[in-house]
N, C-alpha and C. Protein backbone atom coordinates (compact mmCIF):
# COMPACT_ATOMS: atom_id res chain seq x y z
N UNK A 1 205.30 38.67 142.00
CA UNK A 1 205.64 40.10 141.26
C UNK A 1 205.54 40.91 141.32
N UNK A 2 206.12 41.60 141.38
CA UNK A 2 205.71 43.54 140.80
C UNK A 2 205.58 43.39 139.69
N UNK A 3 204.79 44.61 139.58
CA UNK A 3 204.55 44.94 137.60
C UNK A 3 205.35 46.03 137.53
N UNK A 4 205.77 46.32 136.39
CA UNK A 4 206.69 47.01 135.86
C UNK A 4 205.68 48.30 135.93
N UNK A 5 206.75 49.59 135.85
CA UNK A 5 205.88 51.41 135.59
C UNK A 5 205.56 50.86 134.13
N UNK A 6 204.32 51.20 133.78
CA UNK A 6 204.46 51.38 132.52
C UNK A 6 204.61 52.77 131.84
N UNK A 7 205.31 52.67 130.97
CA UNK A 7 206.23 54.09 130.58
C UNK A 7 205.15 55.17 129.64
N UNK A 8 203.77 54.51 129.14
CA UNK A 8 203.14 54.99 128.29
C UNK A 8 202.62 56.08 129.18
N UNK A 9 202.22 57.02 128.42
CA UNK A 9 201.42 58.54 129.16
C UNK A 9 199.61 58.02 129.37
N UNK A 10 199.22 58.65 129.97
CA UNK A 10 197.63 57.98 130.07
C UNK A 10 197.35 59.03 129.09
N UNK A 11 195.98 58.35 128.86
CA UNK A 11 195.13 58.71 127.43
C UNK A 11 194.40 59.80 127.85
N UNK A 12 194.35 60.77 127.38
CA UNK A 12 193.52 62.23 127.64
C UNK A 12 191.93 61.93 127.73
N UNK A 13 191.24 61.78 128.63
CA UNK A 13 190.18 61.53 128.26
C UNK A 13 189.28 63.42 127.40
N UNK A 14 188.49 62.64 126.26
CA UNK A 14 187.45 64.03 125.29
C UNK A 14 186.43 63.62 125.98
N UNK A 15 186.60 65.05 126.47
CA UNK A 15 184.82 65.49 126.89
C UNK A 15 184.24 65.78 125.60
N UNK A 16 182.54 64.99 125.92
CA UNK A 16 182.11 64.94 124.81
C UNK A 16 180.43 65.29 125.16
N UNK A 17 179.87 66.09 124.22
CA UNK A 17 178.25 66.78 124.73
C UNK A 17 177.82 65.99 124.60
N UNK A 18 176.11 66.41 124.73
CA UNK A 18 175.03 65.73 124.48
C UNK A 18 174.66 64.98 122.93
N UNK A 19 175.49 65.42 122.16
CA UNK A 19 174.92 64.94 121.06
C UNK A 19 176.21 63.90 120.72
N UNK A 20 176.90 63.65 121.61
CA UNK A 20 177.90 63.01 121.20
C UNK A 20 179.41 63.13 120.46
N UNK A 21 179.35 64.16 120.00
CA UNK A 21 180.51 65.05 119.24
C UNK A 21 181.53 65.39 120.66
N UNK A 22 182.79 65.85 120.29
CA UNK A 22 183.49 66.39 121.09
C UNK A 22 183.41 67.96 121.92
N UNK A 23 183.30 68.25 123.01
CA UNK A 23 183.21 69.43 123.63
C UNK A 23 184.33 70.22 122.67
N UNK A 24 184.13 71.33 121.99
CA UNK A 24 184.79 72.07 121.84
C UNK A 24 185.49 73.00 123.17
N UNK A 25 186.41 72.99 123.80
CA UNK A 25 186.93 73.28 124.58
C UNK A 25 188.17 74.38 124.73
N UNK A 26 188.81 74.33 123.46
CA UNK A 26 189.60 74.72 123.46
C UNK A 26 189.86 75.17 121.92
N UNK A 27 191.38 76.07 121.98
CA UNK A 27 191.70 76.07 120.44
C UNK A 27 192.07 74.76 119.67
N UNK A 28 192.34 73.82 120.82
CA UNK A 28 193.48 72.44 120.46
C UNK A 28 192.18 71.67 119.50
N UNK A 29 190.94 71.67 120.51
CA UNK A 29 189.79 70.64 120.15
C UNK A 29 189.63 71.14 118.86
N UNK A 30 189.14 73.11 119.04
CA UNK A 30 188.36 73.36 117.72
C UNK A 30 189.44 72.99 116.50
N UNK A 31 191.04 73.15 116.18
CA UNK A 31 191.58 72.60 115.36
C UNK A 31 191.37 71.32 115.31
N UNK A 32 191.08 70.34 115.92
CA UNK A 32 191.28 68.88 115.45
C UNK A 32 190.13 68.94 114.64
N UNK A 33 188.74 69.51 115.20
CA UNK A 33 187.14 69.41 114.82
C UNK A 33 187.23 70.05 113.36
N UNK A 34 187.43 71.02 113.53
CA UNK A 34 187.45 71.67 112.06
C UNK A 34 188.39 71.52 111.12
N UNK A 35 189.83 71.05 111.13
CA UNK A 35 190.79 70.92 110.18
C UNK A 35 191.39 72.24 109.82
N UNK A 36 191.73 73.38 110.92
CA UNK A 36 191.86 74.47 110.49
C UNK A 36 193.57 74.75 111.35
N UNK A 37 194.10 75.98 109.92
CA UNK A 37 195.79 76.05 110.56
C UNK A 37 196.02 76.75 111.52
N UNK A 38 196.89 76.94 112.15
CA UNK A 38 197.83 77.37 113.54
C UNK A 38 197.42 78.83 112.89
N UNK A 39 197.53 79.60 112.00
CA UNK A 39 197.47 80.99 111.39
C UNK A 39 195.96 81.27 111.85
N UNK A 40 194.70 80.43 111.41
CA UNK A 40 193.35 80.78 111.75
C UNK A 40 192.91 80.42 113.35
N UNK A 41 193.67 79.55 113.94
CA UNK A 41 193.61 79.26 115.39
C UNK A 41 193.74 80.68 116.00
N UNK A 42 195.29 81.10 115.60
CA UNK A 42 195.60 82.63 116.40
C UNK A 42 194.88 83.59 116.09
N UNK A 43 193.99 83.69 114.64
CA UNK A 43 193.21 84.73 114.81
C UNK A 43 191.85 84.76 115.26
N UNK A 44 191.62 83.51 115.53
CA UNK A 44 190.24 83.38 116.83
C UNK A 44 190.38 83.75 118.09
N UNK A 45 191.83 83.09 118.50
CA UNK A 45 192.63 83.28 119.63
C UNK A 45 192.12 85.16 120.25
N UNK A 46 192.83 85.66 119.06
CA UNK A 46 192.86 86.93 119.40
C UNK A 46 191.54 87.79 119.34
N UNK A 47 190.26 87.29 118.41
CA UNK A 47 188.89 87.33 118.47
C UNK A 47 188.44 87.11 119.93
N UNK A 48 188.75 85.74 120.31
CA UNK A 48 188.16 85.65 121.90
C UNK A 48 188.51 86.87 122.76
N UNK A 49 189.90 87.29 122.80
CA UNK A 49 190.45 88.19 123.61
C UNK A 49 190.10 89.47 123.54
N UNK A 50 189.68 89.56 122.44
CA UNK A 50 188.60 91.20 121.98
C UNK A 50 187.05 91.17 122.40
N UNK A 51 186.87 89.81 122.47
CA UNK A 51 185.28 89.59 122.73
C UNK A 51 185.56 89.93 124.83
N UNK A 52 186.49 89.48 125.56
CA UNK A 52 186.77 90.05 126.68
C UNK A 52 186.63 91.37 127.13
N UNK A 53 187.82 92.09 126.21
CA UNK A 53 187.92 93.14 126.45
C UNK A 53 186.87 94.11 125.83
N UNK A 54 186.16 93.90 125.12
CA UNK A 54 184.68 95.03 125.24
C UNK A 54 183.84 94.54 125.73
N UNK A 55 183.10 93.58 126.35
CA UNK A 55 181.89 92.90 126.35
C UNK A 55 182.03 93.91 128.08
N UNK A 56 182.30 94.44 128.87
CA UNK A 56 182.23 95.34 130.22
C UNK A 56 181.51 96.83 129.52
N UNK A 57 182.16 96.92 128.19
CA UNK A 57 181.49 98.22 127.72
C UNK A 57 180.15 98.54 127.06
N UNK A 58 180.87 96.89 125.82
CA UNK A 58 179.70 96.50 124.97
C UNK A 58 178.90 95.54 125.08
N UNK A 59 177.74 95.43 125.57
CA UNK A 59 176.65 93.74 125.88
C UNK A 59 176.48 92.96 124.54
N UNK A 60 178.32 92.51 124.29
CA UNK A 60 178.16 91.84 122.74
C UNK A 60 177.49 90.09 123.12
N UNK A 61 178.09 89.70 123.97
CA UNK A 61 177.46 87.98 124.30
C UNK A 61 176.92 88.12 125.64
N UNK A 62 176.41 86.66 126.04
CA UNK A 62 175.60 86.59 127.29
C UNK A 62 177.47 86.39 128.45
N UNK A 63 177.41 87.04 129.27
CA UNK A 63 178.81 87.14 130.18
C UNK A 63 178.80 85.48 130.53
N UNK A 64 178.22 84.39 131.01
CA UNK A 64 178.30 83.58 130.97
C UNK A 64 178.65 82.71 130.19
N UNK A 65 179.07 83.47 129.11
CA UNK A 65 179.28 82.13 127.83
C UNK A 65 180.79 82.62 127.53
N UNK A 66 181.24 83.49 128.24
CA UNK A 66 182.60 84.17 127.64
C UNK A 66 183.27 82.71 128.39
N UNK A 67 183.29 82.10 128.98
CA UNK A 67 184.27 80.96 129.15
C UNK A 67 184.13 79.71 128.57
N UNK A 68 182.98 79.57 127.71
CA UNK A 68 182.67 78.66 126.61
C UNK A 68 182.26 79.14 125.32
N UNK A 69 182.99 80.40 125.01
CA UNK A 69 183.17 80.68 123.73
C UNK A 69 183.90 79.77 122.51
N UNK A 70 184.11 78.91 122.81
CA UNK A 70 185.07 78.28 121.53
C UNK A 70 183.74 76.95 121.09
N UNK A 71 183.32 76.67 121.98
CA UNK A 71 182.14 76.06 121.57
C UNK A 71 180.81 76.50 121.66
N UNK A 72 179.94 77.62 122.39
CA UNK A 72 179.00 78.50 122.54
C UNK A 72 178.85 79.32 120.95
N UNK A 73 180.17 80.07 120.85
CA UNK A 73 180.10 80.66 119.58
C UNK A 73 181.01 80.35 118.70
N UNK A 74 182.14 79.62 118.30
CA UNK A 74 183.03 79.69 117.33
C UNK A 74 182.46 78.32 116.94
N UNK A 75 182.51 77.14 117.39
CA UNK A 75 182.16 76.22 116.99
C UNK A 75 180.40 76.10 116.58
N UNK A 76 179.82 76.68 116.94
CA UNK A 76 178.07 76.72 116.67
C UNK A 76 178.46 77.67 115.18
N UNK A 77 179.17 78.76 115.31
CA UNK A 77 179.31 79.16 113.60
C UNK A 77 179.77 78.30 112.65
N UNK A 78 180.83 78.02 113.09
CA UNK A 78 181.98 77.09 112.08
C UNK A 78 181.07 75.98 111.51
N UNK A 79 180.25 75.52 112.63
CA UNK A 79 179.66 74.39 111.59
C UNK A 79 178.71 74.56 110.16
N UNK A 80 178.54 75.71 110.21
CA UNK A 80 177.56 76.06 108.45
C UNK A 80 178.33 75.60 107.51
N UNK A 81 179.72 76.07 107.59
CA UNK A 81 180.63 75.82 106.66
C UNK A 81 180.56 74.65 106.13
N UNK A 82 180.33 73.70 106.51
CA UNK A 82 180.36 71.97 106.02
C UNK A 82 178.97 72.03 105.13
N UNK A 83 177.89 72.80 105.25
CA UNK A 83 176.94 72.81 104.78
C UNK A 83 176.77 73.68 103.43
N UNK A 84 177.56 74.69 103.23
CA UNK A 84 178.06 75.47 101.98
C UNK A 84 179.36 75.61 101.46
N UNK A 85 180.33 74.29 101.65
CA UNK A 85 181.68 74.43 101.38
C UNK A 85 182.15 74.80 100.06
N UNK A 86 181.46 75.37 99.52
CA UNK A 86 181.73 75.65 97.52
C UNK A 86 181.45 77.10 97.67
N UNK A 87 180.13 77.82 98.77
CA UNK A 87 180.13 79.14 98.51
C UNK A 87 181.24 80.31 98.69
N UNK A 88 181.09 81.23 97.67
CA UNK A 88 181.83 82.22 97.58
C UNK A 88 181.05 84.04 97.82
N UNK A 89 180.15 83.81 98.51
CA UNK A 89 179.79 84.90 98.96
C UNK A 89 178.86 84.75 100.12
N UNK A 90 178.75 85.56 101.30
CA UNK A 90 178.45 84.80 102.56
C UNK A 90 177.45 86.48 102.43
N UNK A 91 176.73 86.56 103.29
CA UNK A 91 175.93 87.71 104.09
C UNK A 91 175.22 87.34 105.10
N UNK A 92 175.51 88.46 105.93
CA UNK A 92 175.15 87.77 107.74
C UNK A 92 174.18 89.23 108.14
N UNK A 93 172.99 88.51 108.33
CA UNK A 93 171.89 89.56 108.79
C UNK A 93 172.40 89.57 110.55
N UNK A 94 172.20 90.82 110.94
CA UNK A 94 171.94 90.93 112.35
C UNK A 94 173.24 90.58 113.20
N UNK A 95 174.57 90.60 112.70
CA UNK A 95 175.77 90.43 113.16
C UNK A 95 175.92 90.28 114.63
N UNK A 96 175.59 91.18 115.41
CA UNK A 96 175.78 91.33 116.97
C UNK A 96 177.35 91.40 116.89
N UNK A 97 177.81 90.72 117.65
CA UNK A 97 179.42 90.22 117.95
C UNK A 97 180.02 89.25 117.15
N UNK A 98 179.41 89.17 115.85
CA UNK A 98 180.32 88.86 114.89
C UNK A 98 180.30 86.74 114.42
N UNK A 99 178.39 86.60 114.99
CA UNK A 99 178.11 85.09 114.92
C UNK A 99 176.87 84.80 114.25
N UNK A 100 176.64 83.97 113.36
CA UNK A 100 178.10 83.34 113.06
C UNK A 100 179.02 84.16 111.76
N UNK A 101 178.78 85.00 111.40
CA UNK A 101 179.27 85.89 109.96
C UNK A 101 180.92 85.85 109.96
N UNK A 102 181.10 86.98 110.90
CA UNK A 102 183.32 86.93 111.32
C UNK A 102 183.33 86.01 111.91
N UNK A 103 183.31 84.57 112.37
CA UNK A 103 183.66 83.47 112.37
C UNK A 103 184.06 82.74 111.06
N UNK A 104 182.90 82.84 110.71
CA UNK A 104 183.15 82.53 108.81
C UNK A 104 184.18 82.91 108.21
N UNK A 105 184.04 84.50 108.62
CA UNK A 105 185.41 85.15 107.36
C UNK A 105 186.39 84.63 107.78
N UNK A 106 186.75 84.55 109.31
CA UNK A 106 187.89 84.46 109.63
C UNK A 106 188.45 82.93 108.93
N UNK A 107 187.63 81.88 109.31
CA UNK A 107 187.77 80.36 108.63
C UNK A 107 188.37 80.53 107.30
N UNK A 108 187.34 81.15 106.58
CA UNK A 108 187.74 81.51 105.07
C UNK A 108 188.51 82.81 104.45
N UNK A 109 189.37 82.89 105.42
CA UNK A 109 190.38 84.31 105.31
C UNK A 109 191.50 84.21 104.29
N UNK A 110 191.85 82.95 104.45
CA UNK A 110 193.33 82.43 103.35
C UNK A 110 192.57 82.16 101.87
N UNK A 111 190.87 82.70 101.73
CA UNK A 111 190.67 82.44 100.40
C UNK A 111 190.53 83.91 99.59
N UNK A 112 191.14 83.78 98.44
CA UNK A 112 190.82 85.47 98.18
C UNK A 112 189.65 86.06 97.38
N UNK A 113 189.04 84.90 96.93
CA UNK A 113 187.90 85.11 95.67
C UNK A 113 186.39 85.03 96.93
N UNK A 114 186.72 85.16 98.16
CA UNK A 114 185.00 85.07 99.31
C UNK A 114 184.88 85.81 99.30
N UNK A 115 183.92 86.63 99.43
CA UNK A 115 183.17 87.86 99.73
C UNK A 115 182.17 87.87 101.33
N UNK A 116 182.74 88.14 102.08
CA UNK A 116 181.66 88.12 103.51
C UNK A 116 181.12 89.59 103.85
N UNK A 117 179.96 89.66 103.72
CA UNK A 117 179.07 91.07 104.36
C UNK A 117 178.52 90.92 105.56
N UNK A 118 178.53 92.37 106.60
CA UNK A 118 177.91 91.71 107.91
C UNK A 118 176.96 92.88 107.83
N UNK A 119 175.83 92.76 108.37
CA UNK A 119 174.83 93.79 108.60
C UNK A 119 174.75 93.89 109.87
N UNK A 120 174.58 94.76 110.90
CA UNK A 120 174.39 95.14 112.14
C UNK A 120 174.01 96.66 112.58
N UNK A 121 172.91 97.01 112.79
CA UNK A 121 172.44 98.40 113.32
C UNK A 121 173.68 98.80 114.34
N UNK A 122 173.92 98.45 115.41
CA UNK A 122 174.47 99.17 116.70
C UNK A 122 175.82 99.62 116.15
N UNK A 123 175.90 100.73 116.70
CA UNK A 123 176.91 101.30 116.30
C UNK A 123 178.16 100.71 116.98
N UNK A 124 178.18 100.45 118.35
CA UNK A 124 179.26 100.11 119.15
C UNK A 124 179.44 98.38 118.55
N UNK A 125 178.28 97.89 118.59
CA UNK A 125 178.78 96.59 117.86
C UNK A 125 179.32 96.61 116.55
N UNK A 126 179.22 97.42 115.61
CA UNK A 126 180.08 97.67 114.38
C UNK A 126 181.35 97.97 114.68
N UNK A 127 181.63 98.98 115.45
CA UNK A 127 182.92 99.10 115.67
C UNK A 127 183.97 98.01 116.40
N UNK A 128 183.16 97.10 117.15
CA UNK A 128 183.79 95.93 117.62
C UNK A 128 184.07 95.15 116.05
N UNK A 129 183.49 94.92 115.53
CA UNK A 129 183.74 94.06 114.12
C UNK A 129 184.19 94.70 113.32
N UNK A 130 184.39 95.73 113.26
CA UNK A 130 185.90 96.61 112.96
C UNK A 130 187.20 96.34 113.01
N UNK A 131 186.95 96.40 114.57
CA UNK A 131 188.39 96.30 115.10
C UNK A 131 188.65 94.60 115.32
N UNK A 132 187.86 93.57 115.43
CA UNK A 132 188.00 92.30 114.94
C UNK A 132 188.77 92.22 113.77
N UNK A 133 188.16 92.56 112.68
CA UNK A 133 189.07 92.50 110.87
C UNK A 133 189.97 93.39 111.05
N UNK A 134 190.21 94.71 111.83
CA UNK A 134 191.32 94.68 112.01
C UNK A 134 192.40 94.01 112.45
N UNK A 135 192.07 93.94 113.30
CA UNK A 135 193.26 93.08 114.27
C UNK A 135 193.44 91.76 113.83
N UNK A 136 192.92 90.77 113.49
CA UNK A 136 192.64 89.89 112.28
C UNK A 136 193.04 89.99 110.75
N UNK A 137 192.90 90.64 110.67
CA UNK A 137 193.60 90.94 109.23
C UNK A 137 192.75 90.49 108.29
N UNK A 138 191.49 90.23 108.33
CA UNK A 138 190.35 89.77 107.71
C UNK A 138 189.19 90.52 107.07
N UNK A 139 189.40 90.23 105.99
CA UNK A 139 188.38 91.35 104.67
C UNK A 139 187.36 91.09 105.22
N UNK A 140 186.38 91.82 105.56
CA UNK A 140 184.89 91.87 105.73
C UNK A 140 183.96 92.97 105.42
N UNK A 141 182.75 93.31 104.65
CA UNK A 141 182.33 94.74 104.70
C UNK A 141 181.42 94.42 105.88
N UNK A 142 181.04 95.75 106.16
CA UNK A 142 180.14 95.85 107.72
C UNK A 142 179.45 97.04 107.07
N UNK A 143 177.85 97.20 107.12
CA UNK A 143 177.29 97.37 106.88
C UNK A 143 176.20 98.16 108.09
N UNK A 144 176.80 99.56 109.04
CA UNK A 144 175.81 99.84 109.63
C UNK A 144 174.46 100.21 109.41
N UNK A 145 173.54 99.34 109.64
CA UNK A 145 171.98 99.98 108.94
C UNK A 145 171.22 98.43 109.54
N UNK A 146 170.13 99.56 109.82
CA UNK A 146 168.81 98.21 109.79
C UNK A 146 168.53 97.43 109.13
N UNK A 147 169.07 95.80 109.34
CA UNK A 147 167.79 95.01 108.20
C UNK A 147 167.44 95.08 107.53
N UNK A 148 166.32 95.86 108.22
CA UNK A 148 164.52 95.96 107.38
C UNK A 148 164.66 97.10 106.56
N UNK A 149 165.96 98.14 107.03
CA UNK A 149 165.82 99.33 105.98
C UNK A 149 165.46 99.64 104.59
N UNK A 150 164.50 100.30 103.75
CA UNK A 150 164.58 100.44 102.71
C UNK A 150 165.58 100.65 101.77
N UNK A 151 166.11 100.06 101.21
CA UNK A 151 167.14 100.24 100.16
C UNK A 151 168.31 99.37 100.02
N UNK A 152 168.54 98.90 101.42
CA UNK A 152 169.94 98.16 101.69
C UNK A 152 170.04 96.99 100.73
N UNK A 153 169.33 96.32 100.66
CA UNK A 153 169.21 95.19 100.23
C UNK A 153 169.35 95.41 98.21
N UNK A 154 169.27 96.53 97.59
CA UNK A 154 169.76 97.20 96.48
C UNK A 154 171.23 97.44 96.59
N UNK A 155 171.92 97.36 97.54
CA UNK A 155 173.51 97.62 97.88
C UNK A 155 174.36 96.18 97.57
N UNK A 156 173.35 95.23 97.79
CA UNK A 156 174.05 94.46 98.55
C UNK A 156 173.67 93.11 97.24
N UNK A 157 174.37 92.89 96.43
CA UNK A 157 174.32 91.36 95.63
C UNK A 157 173.45 90.10 95.98
N UNK A 158 172.24 89.40 95.31
CA UNK A 158 172.07 88.41 96.14
C UNK A 158 173.27 87.38 96.69
N UNK A 159 173.79 86.89 97.55
CA UNK A 159 174.58 86.12 97.98
C UNK A 159 174.21 84.67 97.92
N UNK A 160 175.45 83.86 98.10
CA UNK A 160 175.02 82.41 97.32
C UNK A 160 174.63 82.01 98.85
N UNK A 161 175.12 82.69 100.19
CA UNK A 161 174.52 82.13 101.80
C UNK A 161 174.00 83.26 102.63
N UNK A 162 173.38 83.08 102.79
CA UNK A 162 172.44 84.39 103.92
C UNK A 162 172.57 83.65 105.02
N UNK A 163 173.04 83.99 106.24
CA UNK A 163 172.99 83.87 107.67
C UNK A 163 172.59 84.60 108.86
N UNK A 164 172.04 84.06 109.48
CA UNK A 164 171.60 84.29 110.93
C UNK A 164 171.47 83.65 112.36
N UNK A 165 171.57 84.34 113.17
CA UNK A 165 171.26 83.51 114.69
C UNK A 165 170.97 84.47 115.74
N UNK A 166 169.88 83.59 116.06
CA UNK A 166 168.77 84.58 117.26
C UNK A 166 168.58 85.94 117.04
N UNK A 167 168.18 86.37 115.32
CA UNK A 167 167.63 87.54 115.01
C UNK A 167 166.57 87.67 115.07
N UNK A 168 165.71 86.61 114.98
CA UNK A 168 164.09 86.82 114.37
C UNK A 168 163.53 85.18 114.75
N UNK A 169 162.27 85.34 114.64
CA UNK A 169 161.31 84.14 114.18
C UNK A 169 161.08 83.95 113.08
N UNK A 170 161.29 82.29 112.60
CA UNK A 170 161.48 82.55 111.09
C UNK A 170 160.39 82.97 109.87
N UNK A 171 159.56 83.15 110.62
CA UNK A 171 158.47 83.98 109.78
C UNK A 171 158.58 85.69 109.74
N UNK A 172 159.36 85.95 110.88
CA UNK A 172 160.02 87.76 110.34
C UNK A 172 161.28 87.29 110.37
N UNK A 173 162.09 86.65 110.07
CA UNK A 173 162.99 86.14 109.77
C UNK A 173 163.34 85.86 107.89
N UNK A 174 161.92 85.30 107.70
CA UNK A 174 162.14 85.74 105.91
C UNK A 174 161.66 86.53 105.70
N UNK A 175 160.47 87.30 106.28
CA UNK A 175 160.51 88.67 105.57
C UNK A 175 161.54 89.61 105.71
N UNK A 176 162.53 89.34 106.42
CA UNK A 176 163.63 90.35 106.31
C UNK A 176 165.10 89.85 105.47
N UNK A 177 165.19 88.26 105.11
CA UNK A 177 165.93 87.85 104.20
C UNK A 177 165.47 88.36 102.72
N UNK A 178 164.45 88.16 102.84
CA UNK A 178 163.40 87.74 101.12
C UNK A 178 164.57 88.60 100.58
N UNK A 179 164.80 89.80 100.70
CA UNK A 179 164.86 90.68 99.63
C UNK A 179 166.50 90.36 98.81
N UNK A 180 166.84 89.83 99.80
CA UNK A 180 168.23 89.25 99.18
C UNK A 180 168.59 87.68 98.40
N UNK A 181 167.54 87.42 98.42
CA UNK A 181 167.70 86.03 97.73
C UNK A 181 167.35 85.92 96.51
N UNK A 182 168.40 85.40 95.83
CA UNK A 182 168.56 85.22 94.40
C UNK A 182 168.47 83.82 93.92
N UNK A 183 167.95 83.29 92.51
CA UNK A 183 167.77 82.08 92.53
C UNK A 183 168.76 81.02 93.21
N UNK A 184 170.04 81.39 93.45
CA UNK A 184 170.87 80.28 93.83
C UNK A 184 171.25 80.44 95.48
N UNK A 185 170.49 81.28 95.94
CA UNK A 185 170.82 81.63 97.36
C UNK A 185 170.70 80.65 98.22
N UNK A 186 170.91 80.65 98.97
CA UNK A 186 170.39 79.27 100.34
C UNK A 186 170.33 80.24 101.39
N UNK A 187 169.25 79.97 102.38
CA UNK A 187 169.14 80.67 103.98
C UNK A 187 169.85 79.58 104.82
N UNK A 188 170.81 79.69 105.91
CA UNK A 188 171.06 78.90 106.61
C UNK A 188 171.24 79.47 107.97
N UNK A 189 169.71 79.04 108.79
CA UNK A 189 169.79 80.10 110.01
C UNK A 189 169.72 79.04 111.19
N UNK A 190 170.33 79.33 112.35
CA UNK A 190 170.86 78.38 113.77
C UNK A 190 169.48 78.50 114.48
N UNK A 191 168.88 77.61 114.64
CA UNK A 191 167.86 77.42 115.38
C UNK A 191 167.70 76.56 116.70
N UNK A 192 166.49 76.98 117.43
CA UNK A 192 166.94 75.98 118.70
C UNK A 192 165.72 74.85 118.76
N UNK A 193 165.06 74.51 119.84
CA UNK A 193 164.04 73.56 119.89
C UNK A 193 162.82 73.76 119.59
N UNK A 194 162.67 74.98 119.74
CA UNK A 194 161.37 75.36 118.82
C UNK A 194 161.13 75.04 117.38
N UNK A 195 162.06 74.65 116.91
CA UNK A 195 161.96 74.98 115.60
C UNK A 195 161.20 74.42 114.06
N UNK A 196 160.37 73.40 114.61
CA UNK A 196 159.23 73.19 113.90
C UNK A 196 158.18 73.68 114.26
N UNK A 197 158.14 74.42 115.45
CA UNK A 197 156.83 75.35 115.80
C UNK A 197 156.83 76.61 114.84
N UNK A 198 158.31 77.28 114.47
CA UNK A 198 158.48 78.26 113.62
C UNK A 198 158.53 77.73 112.27
N UNK A 199 158.70 76.94 112.16
CA UNK A 199 158.42 76.42 110.07
C UNK A 199 156.91 76.56 109.94
N UNK A 200 156.32 75.77 110.73
CA UNK A 200 154.43 75.29 110.79
C UNK A 200 154.00 77.21 110.69
N UNK A 201 154.56 77.93 111.54
CA UNK A 201 154.37 79.36 111.38
C UNK A 201 154.34 80.35 110.45
N UNK A 202 155.48 80.04 109.91
CA UNK A 202 156.35 80.61 108.94
C UNK A 202 155.16 80.32 107.50
N UNK A 203 155.19 78.94 107.32
CA UNK A 203 154.23 78.14 106.59
C UNK A 203 152.91 79.07 106.17
N UNK A 204 152.43 79.49 106.86
CA UNK A 204 151.11 80.23 107.16
C UNK A 204 150.70 81.40 106.23
N UNK A 205 152.56 81.76 105.54
CA UNK A 205 152.67 83.36 105.42
C UNK A 205 153.70 82.88 103.65
N UNK A 206 154.22 81.87 103.90
CA UNK A 206 155.55 81.83 102.88
C UNK A 206 155.33 80.65 102.37
N UNK A 207 155.88 80.66 101.58
CA UNK A 207 156.10 79.38 100.53
C UNK A 207 157.85 79.30 100.27
N UNK A 208 158.16 78.33 100.76
CA UNK A 208 159.65 77.80 100.65
C UNK A 208 159.96 76.29 100.94
N UNK A 209 161.23 76.08 100.44
CA UNK A 209 161.70 74.95 100.35
C UNK A 209 162.50 74.76 101.48
N UNK A 210 162.21 73.88 101.95
CA UNK A 210 163.14 73.42 103.71
C UNK A 210 163.91 72.31 104.05
N UNK A 211 165.05 72.19 104.49
CA UNK A 211 165.71 71.38 105.27
C UNK A 211 166.29 71.51 106.49
N UNK A 212 166.23 70.76 107.23
CA UNK A 212 167.14 70.59 108.51
C UNK A 212 168.06 69.99 108.96
N UNK A 213 169.01 69.89 109.68
CA UNK A 213 170.58 69.76 109.63
C UNK A 213 170.36 69.81 111.04
N UNK A 214 171.24 68.74 111.98
CA UNK A 214 171.59 68.95 113.27
C UNK A 214 172.53 69.52 113.51
N UNK A 215 171.98 70.46 114.91
CA UNK A 215 173.42 71.19 115.41
C UNK A 215 174.56 70.35 115.81
N UNK A 216 175.66 70.66 115.80
CA UNK A 216 176.58 69.64 115.78
C UNK A 216 177.14 70.36 117.57
N UNK A 217 176.33 71.28 117.85
CA UNK A 217 177.24 72.08 119.22
C UNK A 217 175.81 71.99 120.19
N UNK A 218 174.49 71.79 120.17
CA UNK A 218 173.52 71.61 120.69
C UNK A 218 172.61 70.89 120.61
N UNK A 219 171.93 69.68 121.48
CA UNK A 219 171.47 68.66 120.75
C UNK A 219 169.52 68.55 120.59
N UNK A 220 169.61 70.15 120.99
CA UNK A 220 168.41 70.59 120.92
C UNK A 220 168.10 71.50 119.54
N UNK A 221 169.55 71.76 119.29
CA UNK A 221 169.59 73.07 118.34
C UNK A 221 169.50 72.12 116.64
N UNK A 222 169.05 73.10 115.91
CA UNK A 222 168.35 72.76 114.38
C UNK A 222 169.50 73.60 113.34
N UNK A 223 169.73 73.44 112.04
CA UNK A 223 170.02 74.31 110.96
C UNK A 223 168.88 74.39 109.95
N UNK A 224 168.34 75.38 110.37
CA UNK A 224 167.50 75.41 108.64
C UNK A 224 168.36 75.96 107.48
N UNK A 225 167.91 74.89 106.87
CA UNK A 225 167.92 75.82 105.40
C UNK A 225 166.97 75.86 104.10
N UNK A 226 166.56 77.12 104.07
CA UNK A 226 165.70 77.65 103.28
C UNK A 226 166.33 77.84 101.71
N UNK A 227 165.34 77.98 100.76
CA UNK A 227 165.52 77.90 99.21
C UNK A 227 164.32 78.99 98.97
N UNK A 228 164.39 79.59 98.06
CA UNK A 228 163.16 80.67 97.20
C UNK A 228 161.96 80.30 98.56
N UNK A 229 161.80 81.94 99.27
CA UNK A 229 160.69 82.01 100.03
C UNK A 229 160.53 83.50 99.14
N UNK A 230 158.66 82.92 99.11
CA UNK A 230 157.97 83.80 98.94
C UNK A 230 156.41 83.74 99.41
N UNK A 231 156.30 85.40 99.80
CA UNK A 231 154.95 85.36 100.35
C UNK A 231 153.94 84.38 99.71
N UNK A 232 152.89 83.92 100.62
CA UNK A 232 151.78 83.37 99.65
C UNK A 232 150.91 84.63 99.00
N UNK A 233 150.06 84.39 98.13
CA UNK A 233 149.11 85.11 97.43
C UNK A 233 147.95 85.86 98.63
């Protein structure tokens, strides 16, 4: 007896990373994984388009990562929100192409009581960030200044969260970020596989409270949570 053909559509195989989590291969998977609205996805799609348009003139990201932007850049940035769901003020140091700061600004763009500030030294990258903000209708404050510039910390109130990705080793990063830390401020810094060595090196000069969380996008990656950094006497 011959079998009747099945009318059920084949189950789509979900690609997974080495972490066991879904590979964020595009907007549909991103929306499912992070629970965001079609309006937010549309803004991220516009962001991705602008990255490709500007990449030739401004070296924003590694060219090889453009085809993996939803995982390497958008999801890598978005995972920080789960660690600070109630934060109302964010400061991103050395924003570059906007990771993680601009992604966070887009994801929180439907909340009117959230303040996002980006600090970036290069004029062309600031122009890119401003164009992304304009094209997506996202409110951010962009400061074109070097992070270490004297006086910039006095123009920005201590935020709830300070972020940075690939800006500097932790020892140097604490030196850059310390002026913005208030009593309730936390640093959320995206780091790679050398994270333990960076912590040990930083502890030679600094005292701080530290926690580690696993990255959702990189099996070797970690997110360092820092509180109350102070130079040792």
